[in-house]
């Protein structure tokens, strides 16, 4: 079935805005394209945007992030590992047979994965 729409923005509503914002900017080194300090920040993921926004209602359950995963395809997993070591970020590696998948977790439990090409 053909896809008749293209996703443009993924929005994450977060409890700990500053901590999550810092994680996506510093650890993932995502490029900020729009910033409303203390309210929301939008990052460029290539052909899609990622917006981090404060959850002013505070009604997200504690396990909310565990159902979410963003996966990036990268040329060199070793480069990612070097950065994670420098920043003291915990990670795990899954063996996918012919490739490996590197997983990290953002401050609210969302999984960010990297798969080598």
N, C-alpha and C. Protein backbone atom coordinates (compact mmCIF):
# COMPACT_ATOMS: atom_id res chain seq x y z
N UNK A 1 0.85 -1.18 0.00
CA UNK A 1 0.00 0.00 0.00
C UNK A 1 0.89 1.24 0.00
N UNK A 2 0.71 2.13 -0.95
CA UNK A 2 1.56 3.33 -0.99
C UNK A 2 1.25 4.28 0.16
N UNK A 3 2.26 5.01 0.55
CA UNK A 3 2.11 5.99 1.61
C UNK A 3 1.74 7.33 0.98
N UNK A 4 0.56 7.85 1.28
CA UNK A 4 0.07 9.07 0.66
C UNK A 4 0.40 10.31 1.47
N UNK A 5 1.07 10.13 2.59
CA UNK A 5 1.44 11.26 3.41
C UNK A 5 2.87 11.03 3.88
N UNK A 6 3.53 12.08 4.21
CA UNK A 6 4.88 11.98 4.74
C UNK A 6 4.92 12.64 6.10
N UNK A 7 5.41 11.94 7.10
CA UNK A 7 5.54 12.60 8.40
C UNK A 7 6.55 13.72 8.31
N UNK A 8 6.27 14.84 8.94
CA UNK A 8 7.16 16.00 8.92
C UNK A 8 7.73 16.32 10.30
N UNK A 9 6.92 16.12 11.33
CA UNK A 9 7.36 16.48 12.68
C UNK A 9 6.97 15.36 13.66
N UNK A 10 7.93 14.96 14.47
CA UNK A 10 7.65 14.09 15.61
C UNK A 10 7.71 15.00 16.83
N UNK A 11 6.67 15.01 17.64
CA UNK A 11 6.65 15.85 18.84
C UNK A 11 6.70 14.97 20.08
N UNK A 12 7.67 15.24 20.95
CA UNK A 12 7.76 14.55 22.23
C UNK A 12 7.37 15.53 23.32
N UNK A 13 6.33 15.21 24.07
CA UNK A 13 5.96 16.02 25.23
C UNK A 13 6.71 15.43 26.41
N UNK A 14 7.43 16.27 27.12
CA UNK A 14 8.33 15.78 28.16
C UNK A 14 8.06 16.44 29.50
N UNK A 15 8.34 15.71 30.58
CA UNK A 15 8.19 16.24 31.93
C UNK A 15 9.37 17.13 32.31
N UNK A 16 10.58 16.67 32.01
CA UNK A 16 11.81 17.35 32.42
C UNK A 16 12.43 18.03 31.20
N UNK A 17 11.80 19.11 30.77
CA UNK A 17 12.15 19.76 29.51
C UNK A 17 13.64 20.06 29.37
N UNK A 18 14.23 20.78 30.30
CA UNK A 18 15.63 21.20 30.16
C UNK A 18 16.58 20.01 30.08
N UNK A 19 16.34 18.98 30.88
CA UNK A 19 17.20 17.79 30.87
C UNK A 19 17.09 17.04 29.55
N UNK A 20 15.87 16.87 29.05
CA UNK A 20 15.67 16.16 27.79
C UNK A 20 16.23 16.98 26.63
N UNK A 21 15.99 18.28 26.63
CA UNK A 21 16.51 19.17 25.59
C UNK A 21 18.03 19.06 25.52
N UNK A 22 18.66 19.14 26.67
CA UNK A 22 20.12 19.06 26.74
C UNK A 22 20.63 17.73 26.21
N UNK A 23 19.95 16.64 26.54
CA UNK A 23 20.33 15.31 26.07
C UNK A 23 20.33 15.24 24.55
N UNK A 24 19.24 15.66 23.93
CA UNK A 24 19.13 15.57 22.47
C UNK A 24 20.12 16.50 21.77
N UNK A 25 20.41 17.64 22.40
CA UNK A 25 21.36 18.58 21.79
C UNK A 25 22.81 18.15 22.03
N UNK A 26 23.16 17.83 23.26
CA UNK A 26 24.56 17.52 23.60
C UNK A 26 24.96 16.10 23.25
N UNK A 27 24.16 15.12 23.62
CA UNK A 27 24.53 13.72 23.40
C UNK A 27 24.34 13.33 21.94
N UNK A 28 23.19 13.68 21.36
CA UNK A 28 22.93 13.30 19.97
C UNK A 28 23.45 14.33 18.97
N UNK A 29 23.88 15.49 19.46
CA UNK A 29 24.41 16.57 18.60
C UNK A 29 23.45 16.95 17.47
N UNK A 30 22.16 16.99 17.79
CA UNK A 30 21.17 17.36 16.78
C UNK A 30 21.20 18.87 16.55
N UNK A 31 20.96 19.27 15.31
CA UNK A 31 20.97 20.68 14.92
C UNK A 31 19.65 21.35 15.29
N UNK A 32 19.73 22.41 16.08
CA UNK A 32 18.54 23.17 16.47
C UNK A 32 18.15 24.08 15.32
N UNK A 33 16.86 24.00 14.91
CA UNK A 33 16.40 24.89 13.84
C UNK A 33 15.38 25.90 14.34
N UNK A 34 14.79 25.64 15.50
CA UNK A 34 13.85 26.59 16.10
C UNK A 34 13.88 26.38 17.60
N UNK A 35 13.92 27.48 18.34
CA UNK A 35 14.05 27.38 19.78
C UNK A 35 13.18 28.42 20.47
N UNK A 36 12.27 27.96 21.31
CA UNK A 36 11.49 28.84 22.19
C UNK A 36 11.94 28.49 23.60
N UNK A 37 12.94 29.20 24.13
CA UNK A 37 13.52 28.84 25.42
C UNK A 37 12.49 28.55 26.50
N UNK A 38 12.68 27.40 27.14
CA UNK A 38 11.80 26.98 28.21
C UNK A 38 10.47 26.42 27.78
N UNK A 39 10.18 26.42 26.47
CA UNK A 39 8.88 25.96 25.97
C UNK A 39 9.04 24.78 25.02
N UNK A 40 9.80 24.98 23.94
CA UNK A 40 10.00 23.91 22.96
C UNK A 40 11.26 24.18 22.15
N UNK A 41 11.78 23.11 21.57
CA UNK A 41 12.93 23.20 20.68
C UNK A 41 12.69 22.21 19.54
N UNK A 42 13.08 22.60 18.33
CA UNK A 42 12.90 21.73 17.17
C UNK A 42 14.27 21.42 16.57
N UNK A 43 14.50 20.14 16.34
CA UNK A 43 15.76 19.66 15.78
C UNK A 43 15.55 19.14 14.37
N UNK A 44 16.59 19.26 13.55
CA UNK A 44 16.57 18.76 12.18
C UNK A 44 17.10 17.33 12.17
N UNK A 45 16.27 16.39 11.72
CA UNK A 45 16.69 14.99 11.59
C UNK A 45 16.89 14.60 10.13
N UNK A 46 17.04 15.56 9.26
CA UNK A 46 17.18 15.27 7.83
C UNK A 46 15.89 15.59 7.13
N UNK A 47 15.09 14.57 6.83
CA UNK A 47 13.82 14.82 6.14
C UNK A 47 12.63 14.87 7.10
N UNK A 48 12.92 14.94 8.38
CA UNK A 48 11.85 15.03 9.38
C UNK A 48 12.35 15.89 10.55
N UNK A 49 11.45 16.53 11.25
CA UNK A 49 11.80 17.37 12.39
C UNK A 49 11.40 16.68 13.69
N UNK A 50 12.17 16.91 14.74
CA UNK A 50 11.86 16.41 16.06
C UNK A 50 11.66 17.60 16.98
N UNK A 51 10.45 17.73 17.53
CA UNK A 51 10.16 18.82 18.46
C UNK A 51 10.07 18.24 19.87
N UNK A 52 10.77 18.89 20.79
CA UNK A 52 10.68 18.56 22.21
C UNK A 52 9.88 19.70 22.85
N UNK A 53 8.77 19.36 23.51
CA UNK A 53 7.90 20.38 24.09
C UNK A 53 7.59 20.03 25.54
N UNK A 54 7.49 21.06 26.38
CA UNK A 54 7.12 20.85 27.78
C UNK A 54 5.73 20.24 27.88
N UNK A 55 5.58 19.31 28.80
CA UNK A 55 4.27 18.76 29.11
C UNK A 55 3.72 19.54 30.29
N UNK A 56 3.04 20.64 29.98
CA UNK A 56 2.51 21.49 31.05
C UNK A 56 1.44 20.82 31.88
N UNK A 57 0.79 19.82 31.32
CA UNK A 57 -0.27 19.15 32.07
C UNK A 57 0.30 18.18 33.09
N UNK A 58 1.53 17.69 32.83
CA UNK A 58 2.17 16.77 33.77
C UNK A 58 1.44 15.45 33.89
N UNK A 59 0.71 15.05 32.84
CA UNK A 59 -0.10 13.84 32.96
C UNK A 59 0.52 12.62 32.26
N UNK A 60 1.80 12.69 31.90
CA UNK A 60 2.45 11.54 31.30
C UNK A 60 2.75 10.51 32.38
N UNK A 61 2.47 9.25 32.10
CA UNK A 61 2.77 8.20 33.08
C UNK A 61 4.29 8.00 33.14
N UNK A 62 4.75 7.40 34.22
CA UNK A 62 6.19 7.20 34.40
C UNK A 62 6.80 6.26 33.36
N UNK A 63 6.01 5.36 32.77
CA UNK A 63 6.56 4.43 31.78
C UNK A 63 6.24 4.86 30.35
N UNK A 64 5.82 6.09 30.15
CA UNK A 64 5.43 6.60 28.84
C UNK A 64 6.51 6.38 27.78
N UNK A 65 7.76 6.75 28.07
CA UNK A 65 8.83 6.70 27.08
C UNK A 65 9.21 5.30 26.65
N UNK A 66 8.89 4.30 27.42
CA UNK A 66 9.33 2.95 27.11
C UNK A 66 8.67 2.38 25.85
N UNK A 67 7.63 3.03 25.36
CA UNK A 67 6.96 2.54 24.16
C UNK A 67 7.47 3.24 22.90
N UNK A 68 8.49 4.05 23.03
CA UNK A 68 8.94 4.89 21.94
C UNK A 68 10.39 4.58 21.59
N UNK A 69 10.71 4.56 20.29
CA UNK A 69 12.09 4.37 19.86
C UNK A 69 12.34 5.15 18.59
N UNK A 70 13.47 5.86 18.54
CA UNK A 70 13.94 6.52 17.33
C UNK A 70 15.18 5.75 16.89
N UNK A 71 15.26 5.40 15.61
CA UNK A 71 16.41 4.67 15.09
C UNK A 71 17.08 5.48 13.99
N UNK A 72 18.41 5.65 14.12
CA UNK A 72 19.22 6.32 13.12
C UNK A 72 20.13 5.30 12.45
N UNK A 73 20.30 5.39 11.15
CA UNK A 73 21.30 4.59 10.44
C UNK A 73 22.56 5.44 10.33
N UNK A 74 23.69 4.88 10.74
CA UNK A 74 24.95 5.62 10.75
C UNK A 74 26.02 4.85 10.00
N UNK A 75 27.01 5.59 9.51
CA UNK A 75 28.11 4.97 8.76
C UNK A 75 29.06 4.22 9.67
N UNK A 76 29.30 4.75 10.89
CA UNK A 76 30.32 4.19 11.74
C UNK A 76 29.87 4.19 13.21
N UNK A 77 29.52 3.03 13.72
CA UNK A 77 29.09 2.93 15.12
C UNK A 77 30.23 3.27 16.08
N UNK A 78 31.46 3.02 15.69
CA UNK A 78 32.60 3.31 16.58
C UNK A 78 32.69 4.79 16.90
N UNK A 79 32.36 5.66 15.94
CA UNK A 79 32.36 7.10 16.21
C UNK A 79 31.33 7.46 17.27
N UNK A 80 30.16 6.83 17.18
CA UNK A 80 29.10 7.06 18.17
C UNK A 80 29.58 6.58 19.54
N UNK A 81 30.21 5.41 19.58
CA UNK A 81 30.72 4.87 20.84
C UNK A 81 31.75 5.80 21.49
N UNK A 82 32.63 6.37 20.68
CA UNK A 82 33.64 7.30 21.21
C UNK A 82 32.98 8.49 21.90
N UNK A 83 31.95 9.05 21.26
CA UNK A 83 31.24 10.19 21.85
C UNK A 83 30.54 9.78 23.14
N UNK A 84 29.89 8.63 23.13
CA UNK A 84 29.19 8.16 24.32
C UNK A 84 30.15 7.95 25.48
N UNK A 85 31.34 7.40 25.19
CA UNK A 85 32.35 7.21 26.25
C UNK A 85 32.78 8.55 26.81
N UNK A 86 33.04 9.53 25.94
CA UNK A 86 33.46 10.86 26.40
C UNK A 86 32.42 11.51 27.29
N UNK A 87 31.14 11.28 26.96
CA UNK A 87 30.06 11.91 27.72
C UNK A 87 29.55 11.02 28.86
N UNK A 88 30.17 9.85 29.05
CA UNK A 88 29.76 8.89 30.09
C UNK A 88 28.30 8.49 29.99
N UNK A 89 27.85 8.23 28.77
CA UNK A 89 26.46 7.81 28.53
C UNK A 89 26.41 6.28 28.48
N UNK A 90 25.49 5.70 29.26
CA UNK A 90 25.31 4.24 29.24
C UNK A 90 24.69 3.80 27.93
N UNK A 91 25.04 2.60 27.49
CA UNK A 91 24.50 2.06 26.24
C UNK A 91 24.54 0.54 26.29
N UNK A 92 23.83 -0.07 25.35
CA UNK A 92 23.99 -1.50 25.14
C UNK A 92 24.04 -1.76 23.64
N UNK A 93 24.61 -2.89 23.26
CA UNK A 93 24.76 -3.24 21.85
C UNK A 93 24.05 -4.56 21.61
N UNK A 94 23.21 -4.58 20.57
CA UNK A 94 22.53 -5.80 20.16
C UNK A 94 23.19 -6.34 18.90
N UNK A 95 23.39 -7.64 18.84
CA UNK A 95 23.93 -8.28 17.65
C UNK A 95 22.75 -8.63 16.74
N UNK A 96 22.74 -8.05 15.53
CA UNK A 96 21.66 -8.30 14.58
C UNK A 96 22.09 -9.28 13.48
N UNK A 97 23.14 -10.03 13.73
CA UNK A 97 23.64 -10.96 12.72
C UNK A 97 24.72 -10.32 11.89
N UNK A 98 24.32 -9.62 10.84
CA UNK A 98 25.30 -8.98 9.96
C UNK A 98 25.64 -7.55 10.40
N UNK A 99 24.86 -7.01 11.32
CA UNK A 99 25.09 -5.64 11.81
C UNK A 99 24.89 -5.60 13.32
N UNK A 100 25.21 -4.45 13.90
CA UNK A 100 24.98 -4.23 15.32
C UNK A 100 24.07 -3.03 15.50
N UNK A 101 23.35 -3.05 16.61
CA UNK A 101 22.46 -1.96 16.97
C UNK A 101 22.88 -1.45 18.34
N UNK A 102 23.16 -0.17 18.43
CA UNK A 102 23.58 0.48 19.65
C UNK A 102 22.38 1.23 20.23
N UNK A 103 22.06 0.99 21.49
CA UNK A 103 20.90 1.61 22.13
C UNK A 103 21.32 2.48 23.31
N UNK A 104 20.73 3.68 23.38
CA UNK A 104 20.87 4.54 24.54
C UNK A 104 19.46 4.96 24.96
N UNK A 105 19.35 5.53 26.14
CA UNK A 105 18.03 5.91 26.65
C UNK A 105 18.07 7.38 27.06
N UNK A 106 17.06 8.15 26.62
CA UNK A 106 17.02 9.56 26.99
C UNK A 106 16.57 9.68 28.46
N UNK A 107 16.62 10.87 29.03
CA UNK A 107 16.32 11.03 30.45
C UNK A 107 14.93 10.58 30.88
N UNK A 108 13.98 10.42 29.95
CA UNK A 108 12.64 9.98 30.33
C UNK A 108 12.34 8.58 29.83
N UNK A 109 13.36 7.82 29.45
CA UNK A 109 13.18 6.41 29.12
C UNK A 109 12.95 6.08 27.67
N UNK A 110 13.00 7.05 26.76
CA UNK A 110 12.83 6.76 25.33
C UNK A 110 14.11 6.15 24.78
N UNK A 111 13.97 5.14 23.92
CA UNK A 111 15.12 4.46 23.35
C UNK A 111 15.55 5.16 22.07
N UNK A 112 16.85 5.46 21.96
CA UNK A 112 17.44 6.00 20.75
C UNK A 112 18.44 4.95 20.28
N UNK A 113 18.25 4.47 19.04
CA UNK A 113 19.08 3.40 18.51
C UNK A 113 19.87 3.87 17.30
N UNK A 114 21.03 3.26 17.14
CA UNK A 114 21.88 3.52 15.99
C UNK A 114 22.23 2.17 15.37
N UNK A 115 22.02 2.07 14.06
CA UNK A 115 22.36 0.83 13.34
C UNK A 115 23.40 1.19 12.30
N UNK A 116 24.48 0.43 12.28
CA UNK A 116 25.53 0.66 11.29
C UNK A 116 25.07 0.21 9.92
N UNK A 117 25.52 0.94 8.90
CA UNK A 117 25.16 0.58 7.51
C UNK A 117 25.89 -0.68 7.09
